[in-house]
Amino acid sequence: MKVHTLEIEIAGNSKRYPVLIGQNLLDQPKVWEPYIKGREVVVITHALLKSFYGSLLGQGLAAYSVHWIVIPEGEHHKTLGTIQNIIDTLLQKAFDRTVTLIAFGGGVIGDMVGFTASCYLRGVGYIQVPTTLLAQVDAALGGKTGVDHPLGKNMIGAFYHPESVLADITTLATLPDRHYRAGFSEVVKYGLIRDRSFFEWCGEHTEALLKKEPTSLIEAVKRSCQHKIQIVRSDERERGARVLLNLGHTFAHAIEAETQYKEWLHGEAVSIGLVMAARYSNGLGYLGEKEVSDIRNLLKNMGLPIDLPRNLTLQRLGDFMVRDKKAVDGQVRFILLKAIGEAFVLKQSLGAFLDKIQMG
């Protein structure tokens, strides 16, 4: 069992925790024991994941009293109502502050369990165990937690860090292909914002990644995590460099909200958002036509959507964008590209954006 261990240390905060990356980790007690304080563990997950991995988790957590909370699947269940149901169960079973929650699932599970941990008894420990590619490379790291609101994505939440992140790529074997491919948008994002060589590496290893070849997959997860850790370490609360991680997301969150979080997976919406950001960067005179084409082709080759759905208008998306939590004084904060590997922030009114952008 080979484990790649990265560490997050938050500047100005005493919190430090590891990110463990590898294969066949779930049934190994030593990856759990250093990060569980009490004897009670509550695993929060979906029914299908419990059926796939419940036995392995039981072996790894054999030294503890393990309880399960199974919640509905899907972004449209990422609500305060679901949080209420989880907390009701925790209170009914009288778990105290020594309990450790385990977020076993994708980004939706991770966000909700993290938020629950921040609220329950004013804070209990939790472990992130991301089972989707998107969550392993992005959502499970950095301490962002929360739920959606009908008027916007992740509008209610808190910064609250886990005790550890356990990324076992073996769990990706049971991930549906559509959900697996959706994670590549976040992998490509890191190359776009700060590492052109990684962007090019993704192009060279696309076939291996699509086939879930372990060596390439672990490398993609590790390099993505390294980039996010470097940014989060210096800017936990998104007051500076961390905002660059939202490349494509201003557009993506608007697409998701407009479709009530039911039509597009988050990673699919991010893929479309990355192309929109590239096109807008080109329209402003920054990014070259070839680079826009390279971005489109890589995402397309990875099986991701790259065009804004015909039934969605820019004006309607704009209504959501100005309500985005990253908007400032009525201006939208666009994350754009001067070149592949060089992202920057542009504050602009919605009107100026609509006047300029041209989507093909």
Protein backbone atom coordinates (compact mmCIF):
# COMPACT_ATOMS: atom_id res chain seq x y z
CA MET A 1 0.00 0.00 0.00
CA LYS A 2 1.74 3.16 -1.21
CA VAL A 3 0.34 6.43 0.08
CA HIS A 4 1.28 9.86 -1.21
CA THR A 5 0.95 12.30 1.68
CA LEU A 6 0.58 16.05 1.17
CA GLU A 7 -0.04 18.51 3.98
CA ILE A 8 -2.17 21.61 4.26
CA GLU A 9 -1.12 24.27 6.75
CA ILE A 10 -3.31 27.37 6.86
CA ALA A 11 -1.47 30.69 7.28
CA GLY A 12 -2.55 32.51 10.45
CA ASN A 13 -4.44 29.42 11.61
CA SER A 14 -3.30 26.56 13.82
CA LYS A 15 -5.01 24.04 11.55
CA ARG A 16 -2.79 21.55 9.76
CA TYR A 17 -3.99 18.33 8.14
CA PRO A 18 -2.85 15.74 5.60
CA VAL A 19 -4.15 14.73 2.20
CA LEU A 20 -3.56 11.00 1.69
CA ILE A 21 -3.64 9.79 -1.94
CA GLY A 22 -3.37 6.18 -3.06
CA GLN A 23 -5.10 2.88 -3.87
CA ASN A 24 -6.92 0.37 -1.66
CA LEU A 25 -6.80 2.53 1.45
CA LEU A 26 -10.29 2.22 2.91
CA ASP A 27 -9.77 -1.02 4.84
CA GLN A 28 -6.43 0.06 6.37
CA PRO A 29 -6.81 1.14 10.05
CA LYS A 30 -3.59 3.17 10.02
CA VAL A 31 -5.00 5.76 7.58
CA TRP A 32 -7.89 6.41 9.98
CA GLU A 33 -6.64 6.11 13.53
CA PRO A 34 -4.49 9.28 13.83
CA TYR A 35 -7.45 11.48 12.88
CA ILE A 36 -10.28 10.07 15.01
CA LYS A 37 -10.44 11.40 18.57
CA GLY A 38 -13.29 9.47 20.19
CA ARG A 39 -14.88 6.05 19.85
CA GLU A 40 -17.97 7.05 17.85
CA VAL A 41 -17.86 7.49 14.08
CA VAL A 42 -20.77 8.52 11.85
CA VAL A 43 -20.42 7.85 8.13
CA ILE A 44 -22.67 10.06 6.01
CA THR A 45 -23.10 8.80 2.47
CA HIS A 46 -25.49 7.62 -0.28
CA ALA A 47 -27.14 4.20 -0.34
CA LEU A 48 -25.23 2.98 -3.40
CA LEU A 49 -21.84 3.94 -1.96
CA LYS A 50 -22.67 2.15 1.28
CA SER A 51 -23.52 -0.98 -0.67
CA PHE A 52 -20.23 -0.79 -2.60
CA TYR A 53 -17.83 0.15 0.19
CA GLY A 54 -19.56 -0.42 3.51
CA SER A 55 -17.65 -3.64 4.20
CA LEU A 56 -14.24 -2.10 3.43
CA LEU A 57 -14.97 0.91 5.63
CA GLY A 58 -16.09 -1.46 8.38
CA GLN A 59 -12.70 -3.21 8.26
CA GLY A 60 -10.74 0.03 8.35
CA LEU A 61 -12.87 1.38 11.20
CA ALA A 62 -13.17 -1.89 13.14
CA ALA A 63 -11.78 -0.28 16.29
CA TYR A 64 -14.70 2.17 16.47
CA SER A 65 -18.43 2.15 16.94
CA VAL A 66 -19.60 2.98 13.40
CA HIS A 67 -22.99 4.48 12.60
CA TRP A 68 -24.43 5.33 9.18
CA ILE A 69 -26.61 8.15 7.91
CA VAL A 70 -27.80 7.63 4.33
CA ILE A 71 -29.03 10.74 2.51
CA PRO A 72 -30.52 11.32 -0.97
CA GLU A 73 -28.21 11.79 -3.93
CA GLY A 74 -28.01 14.89 -6.14
CA GLU A 75 -27.12 18.59 -6.01
CA HIS A 76 -30.80 19.51 -5.62
CA HIS A 77 -30.68 17.86 -2.16
CA LYS A 78 -27.82 20.11 -1.06
CA THR A 79 -30.11 22.20 1.13
CA LEU A 80 -30.66 23.34 4.70
CA GLY A 81 -33.45 20.76 4.87
CA THR A 82 -30.98 17.92 4.40
CA ILE A 83 -28.65 19.43 7.00
CA GLN A 84 -31.60 19.60 9.40
CA ASN A 85 -32.31 15.90 8.87
CA ILE A 86 -28.68 14.96 9.54
CA ILE A 87 -28.53 17.05 12.72
CA ASP A 88 -31.86 15.62 13.90
CA THR A 89 -30.37 12.13 13.68
CA LEU A 90 -27.17 13.14 15.49
CA LEU A 91 -29.16 14.73 18.31
CA GLN A 92 -31.59 11.83 18.60
CA LYS A 93 -28.65 9.47 19.06
CA ALA A 94 -27.04 11.92 21.52
CA PHE A 95 -23.58 12.06 19.94
CA ASP A 96 -21.26 14.31 21.90
CA ARG A 97 -18.30 16.48 20.83
CA THR A 98 -15.96 13.52 20.57
CA VAL A 99 -17.87 12.13 17.58
CA THR A 100 -16.12 12.12 14.19
CA LEU A 101 -18.19 12.55 11.05
CA ILE A 102 -16.99 10.97 7.82
CA ALA A 103 -18.02 12.54 4.52
CA PHE A 104 -18.04 9.55 2.17
CA GLY A 105 -19.03 10.71 -1.30
CA GLY A 106 -18.60 13.46 -3.83
CA GLY A 107 -18.47 17.22 -3.45
CA VAL A 108 -22.11 17.51 -2.40
CA ILE A 109 -21.62 15.08 0.50
CA GLY A 110 -18.35 16.76 1.46
CA ASP A 111 -19.84 20.25 1.51
CA MET A 112 -22.85 19.20 3.57
CA VAL A 113 -20.98 17.05 6.09
CA GLY A 114 -18.36 19.76 6.56
CA PHE A 115 -21.09 22.32 7.20
CA THR A 116 -22.85 19.94 9.59
CA ALA A 117 -19.58 19.38 11.47
CA SER A 118 -19.08 23.15 11.79
CA CYS A 119 -22.58 23.58 13.28
CA TYR A 120 -23.18 20.49 15.40
CA LEU A 121 -22.45 21.30 19.04
CA ARG A 122 -20.54 24.32 17.67
CA GLY A 123 -17.98 22.13 15.98
CA VAL A 124 -16.94 18.47 15.81
CA GLY A 125 -14.22 16.68 13.86
CA TYR A 126 -14.76 15.25 10.40
CA ILE A 127 -12.82 13.44 7.70
CA GLN A 128 -13.23 13.99 3.98
CA VAL A 129 -13.27 10.78 1.93
CA PRO A 130 -13.99 12.00 -1.62
CA THR A 131 -15.20 9.28 -4.00
CA THR A 132 -15.41 11.36 -7.19
CA LEU A 133 -12.53 12.73 -9.22
CA LEU A 134 -13.87 16.26 -8.89
CA ALA A 135 -13.97 16.02 -5.12
CA GLN A 136 -10.53 14.38 -4.89
CA VAL A 137 -8.82 17.14 -6.85
CA ASP A 138 -10.80 20.12 -5.61
CA ALA A 139 -13.95 20.06 -3.49
CA ALA A 140 -12.61 18.05 -0.54
CA LEU A 141 -9.63 20.34 0.04
CA GLY A 142 -9.54 23.82 1.50
CA GLY A 143 -12.28 23.94 4.11
CA LYS A 144 -15.16 25.38 2.09
CA THR A 145 -18.46 23.91 3.25
CA GLY A 146 -22.09 24.78 2.68
CA VAL A 147 -25.39 24.34 0.89
CA ASP A 148 -27.19 25.89 -2.04
CA HIS A 149 -30.06 28.38 -2.11
CA PRO A 150 -32.57 28.77 -4.95
CA LEU A 151 -30.98 32.14 -5.71
CA GLY A 152 -27.42 30.87 -5.86
CA LYS A 153 -24.95 28.06 -5.31
CA ASN A 154 -23.16 27.67 -1.95
CA MET A 155 -24.73 30.84 -0.58
CA ILE A 156 -24.92 29.40 2.96
CA GLY A 157 -21.84 27.89 4.56
CA ALA A 158 -18.64 28.23 6.55
CA PHE A 159 -14.89 27.74 6.31
CA TYR A 160 -14.27 24.62 8.37
CA HIS A 161 -11.36 22.25 7.83
CA PRO A 162 -11.35 18.45 8.20
CA GLU A 163 -8.96 16.38 10.29
CA SER A 164 -7.73 14.70 7.10
CA VAL A 165 -8.58 14.06 3.46
CA LEU A 166 -8.41 10.46 2.24
CA ALA A 167 -8.40 10.20 -1.57
CA ASP A 168 -8.56 6.54 -2.58
CA ILE A 169 -8.62 6.36 -6.38
CA THR A 170 -10.01 2.82 -6.14
CA THR A 171 -13.42 4.35 -5.44
CA LEU A 172 -13.40 5.86 -8.93
CA ALA A 173 -13.88 2.36 -10.39
CA THR A 174 -17.58 2.43 -9.49
CA LEU A 175 -18.11 6.05 -10.53
CA PRO A 176 -20.35 6.39 -13.63
CA ASP A 177 -18.39 7.55 -16.68
CA ARG A 178 -20.28 10.85 -16.93
CA HIS A 179 -19.48 11.72 -13.33
CA TYR A 180 -15.88 10.60 -13.74
CA ARG A 181 -15.32 12.78 -16.83
CA ALA A 182 -16.90 15.74 -15.07
CA GLY A 183 -13.92 15.85 -12.71
CA PHE A 184 -11.47 16.60 -15.51
CA SER A 185 -12.69 20.18 -15.76
CA GLU A 186 -11.21 20.90 -12.32
CA VAL A 187 -7.96 19.12 -13.24
CA VAL A 188 -7.61 21.19 -16.41
CA LYS A 189 -8.43 24.33 -14.41
CA TYR A 190 -5.19 24.07 -12.44
CA GLY A 191 -3.18 23.99 -15.63
CA LEU A 192 -5.04 27.01 -16.94
CA ILE A 193 -4.62 29.20 -13.88
CA ARG A 194 -0.98 28.51 -12.99
CA ASP A 195 0.78 25.61 -14.75
CA ARG A 196 0.92 25.43 -18.54
CA SER A 197 3.11 22.31 -18.38
CA PHE A 198 0.36 20.53 -16.42
CA PHE A 199 -2.19 21.60 -19.03
CA GLU A 200 0.04 20.07 -21.70
CA TRP A 201 0.55 16.95 -19.56
CA CYS A 202 -3.23 16.52 -19.42
CA GLY A 203 -3.36 16.59 -23.20
CA GLU A 204 -0.58 14.01 -23.48
CA HIS A 205 -2.22 11.68 -20.95
CA THR A 206 -5.89 12.11 -21.89
CA GLU A 207 -6.28 8.54 -23.12
CA ALA A 208 -4.65 7.07 -20.00
CA LEU A 209 -6.81 9.24 -17.74
CA LEU A 210 -10.00 8.25 -19.54
CA LYS A 211 -9.03 4.60 -19.04
CA LYS A 212 -8.41 5.26 -15.31
CA GLU A 213 -4.81 4.11 -15.58
CA PRO A 214 -3.65 4.24 -11.93
CA THR A 215 -0.23 5.86 -12.35
CA SER A 216 -1.54 8.71 -14.50
CA LEU A 217 -4.62 9.12 -12.32
CA ILE A 218 -2.65 9.37 -9.09
CA GLU A 219 -0.32 11.87 -10.75
CA ALA A 220 -3.28 14.02 -11.87
CA VAL A 221 -4.82 13.96 -8.39
CA LYS A 222 -1.48 14.67 -6.68
CA ARG A 223 -0.52 17.60 -8.92
CA SER A 224 -4.00 19.12 -8.69
CA CYS A 225 -3.93 18.86 -4.90
CA GLN A 226 -0.45 20.39 -4.75
CA HIS A 227 -1.67 23.44 -6.64
CA LYS A 228 -4.75 23.89 -4.48
CA ILE A 229 -2.78 23.42 -1.27
CA GLN A 230 -0.26 26.08 -2.26
CA ILE A 231 -3.04 28.59 -2.89
CA VAL A 232 -5.20 27.75 0.14
CA ARG A 233 -2.19 27.77 2.46
CA SER A 234 -1.72 31.51 1.93
CA ASP A 235 -5.34 32.58 1.36
CA GLU A 236 -7.85 30.55 3.34
CA ARG A 237 -10.73 33.03 3.12
CA GLU A 238 -10.52 33.85 -0.60
CA ARG A 239 -9.36 37.44 -0.18
CA GLY A 240 -6.55 37.15 -2.71
CA ALA A 241 -5.06 34.38 -4.84
CA ARG A 242 -7.70 31.79 -3.89
CA VAL A 243 -10.28 33.58 -6.01
CA LEU A 244 -8.34 32.37 -9.08
CA LEU A 245 -9.57 28.86 -8.30
CA ASN A 246 -12.97 30.07 -9.46
CA LEU A 247 -11.91 30.21 -13.11
CA GLY A 248 -15.02 29.21 -15.06
CA HIS A 249 -17.13 29.00 -11.91
CA THR A 250 -18.93 32.34 -12.14
CA PHE A 251 -20.43 31.11 -15.40
CA ALA A 252 -20.85 27.55 -14.12
CA HIS A 253 -22.74 28.50 -10.96
CA ALA A 254 -25.14 30.60 -13.02
CA ILE A 255 -25.74 27.69 -15.42
CA GLU A 256 -26.42 25.35 -12.50
CA ALA A 257 -28.76 27.78 -10.72
CA GLU A 258 -30.67 28.56 -13.91
CA THR A 259 -31.32 24.84 -14.43
CA GLN A 260 -32.23 24.22 -10.75
CA TYR A 261 -29.11 22.03 -10.29
CA LYS A 262 -30.84 19.16 -12.11
CA GLU A 263 -29.59 19.27 -15.72
CA TRP A 264 -25.81 19.69 -15.51
CA LEU A 265 -23.21 18.14 -13.25
CA HIS A 266 -21.00 20.73 -11.58
CA GLY A 267 -17.94 19.65 -13.54
CA GLU A 268 -19.85 19.84 -16.82
CA ALA A 269 -20.98 23.37 -16.02
CA VAL A 270 -17.39 24.27 -15.10
CA SER A 271 -16.19 22.95 -18.47
CA ILE A 272 -18.62 25.24 -20.27
CA GLY A 273 -17.57 28.05 -17.93
CA LEU A 274 -13.88 27.52 -18.72
CA VAL A 275 -14.59 27.90 -22.43
CA MET A 276 -16.73 30.99 -21.80
CA ALA A 277 -13.90 32.51 -19.74
CA ALA A 278 -11.41 31.68 -22.51
CA ARG A 279 -13.62 33.24 -25.17
CA TYR A 280 -14.17 36.34 -23.10
CA SER A 281 -10.42 36.61 -22.46
CA ASN A 282 -9.89 36.41 -26.20
CA GLY A 283 -12.56 39.02 -26.84
CA LEU A 284 -10.77 41.42 -24.50
CA GLY A 285 -7.51 40.94 -26.38
CA TYR A 286 -5.68 38.67 -23.93
CA LEU A 287 -5.88 35.03 -24.97
CA GLY A 288 -5.02 34.01 -28.53
CA GLU A 289 -7.37 32.12 -30.84
CA LYS A 290 -5.11 29.05 -30.83
CA GLU A 291 -5.13 28.90 -27.04
CA VAL A 292 -8.92 29.12 -27.00
CA SER A 293 -9.00 26.27 -29.51
CA ASP A 294 -6.53 24.22 -27.43
CA ILE A 295 -8.71 24.62 -24.34
CA ARG A 296 -11.87 23.66 -26.22
CA ASN A 297 -10.22 20.63 -27.80
CA LEU A 298 -8.76 19.28 -24.57
CA LEU A 299 -12.08 19.51 -22.73
CA LYS A 300 -13.93 18.02 -25.70
CA ASN A 301 -11.43 15.15 -25.94
CA MET A 302 -12.06 14.46 -22.27
CA GLY A 303 -15.75 14.00 -23.05
CA LEU A 304 -16.95 17.28 -21.58
CA PRO A 305 -19.49 19.80 -22.93
CA ILE A 306 -17.98 23.04 -24.22
CA ASP A 307 -20.91 25.09 -25.54
CA LEU A 308 -23.57 27.08 -23.72
CA PRO A 309 -26.92 25.29 -24.05
CA ARG A 310 -29.14 26.97 -26.62
CA ASN A 311 -32.01 27.37 -24.18
CA LEU A 312 -29.88 29.50 -21.82
CA THR A 313 -29.45 33.18 -22.59
CA LEU A 314 -26.51 35.28 -21.43
CA GLN A 315 -28.92 37.86 -20.00
CA ARG A 316 -30.62 35.25 -17.83
CA LEU A 317 -27.27 33.88 -16.68
CA GLY A 318 -26.20 37.44 -15.92
CA ASP A 319 -29.04 37.79 -13.44
CA PHE A 320 -27.48 34.99 -11.40
CA MET A 321 -23.93 36.22 -11.90
CA VAL A 322 -24.57 39.58 -10.24
CA ARG A 323 -25.93 37.71 -7.21
CA ASP A 324 -22.86 35.48 -7.05
CA LYS A 325 -21.20 35.59 -3.62
CA LYS A 326 -17.98 36.78 -5.27
CA ALA A 327 -19.64 39.85 -6.81
CA VAL A 328 -18.50 43.16 -5.29
CA ASP A 329 -20.51 46.42 -5.30
CA GLY A 330 -22.69 45.25 -8.16
CA GLN A 331 -19.72 44.24 -10.30
CA VAL A 332 -18.95 40.69 -11.35
CA ARG A 333 -15.48 39.37 -10.55
CA PHE A 334 -14.45 37.51 -13.69
CA ILE A 335 -11.48 35.14 -13.53
CA LEU A 336 -9.87 35.38 -16.96
CA LEU A 337 -6.69 34.29 -18.75
CA LYS A 338 -3.82 36.34 -20.10
CA ALA A 339 -2.39 33.05 -21.34
CA ILE A 340 -2.66 29.36 -20.53
CA GLY A 341 -1.10 29.18 -17.08
CA GLU A 342 -1.69 32.84 -16.20
CA ALA A 343 -5.04 33.79 -14.70
CA PHE A 344 -6.13 37.21 -13.42
CA VAL A 345 -9.17 38.95 -11.94
CA LEU A 346 -11.28 41.53 -13.76
CA LYS A 347 -14.10 43.41 -12.02
CA GLN A 348 -16.70 44.49 -14.53
CA SER A 349 -20.33 45.44 -14.72
CA LEU A 350 -22.73 42.92 -16.18
CA GLY A 351 -23.66 45.36 -18.93
CA ALA A 352 -20.07 45.69 -20.10
CA PHE A 353 -19.74 41.93 -20.18
CA LEU A 354 -22.92 41.42 -22.21
CA ASP A 355 -21.85 44.09 -24.68
CA LYS A 356 -18.54 42.40 -25.32
CA ILE A 357 -18.83 38.64 -25.18
CA GLN A 358 -19.71 36.69 -28.31
CA MET A 359 -20.45 33.02 -27.97
CA GLY A 360 -20.25 30.83 -31.06
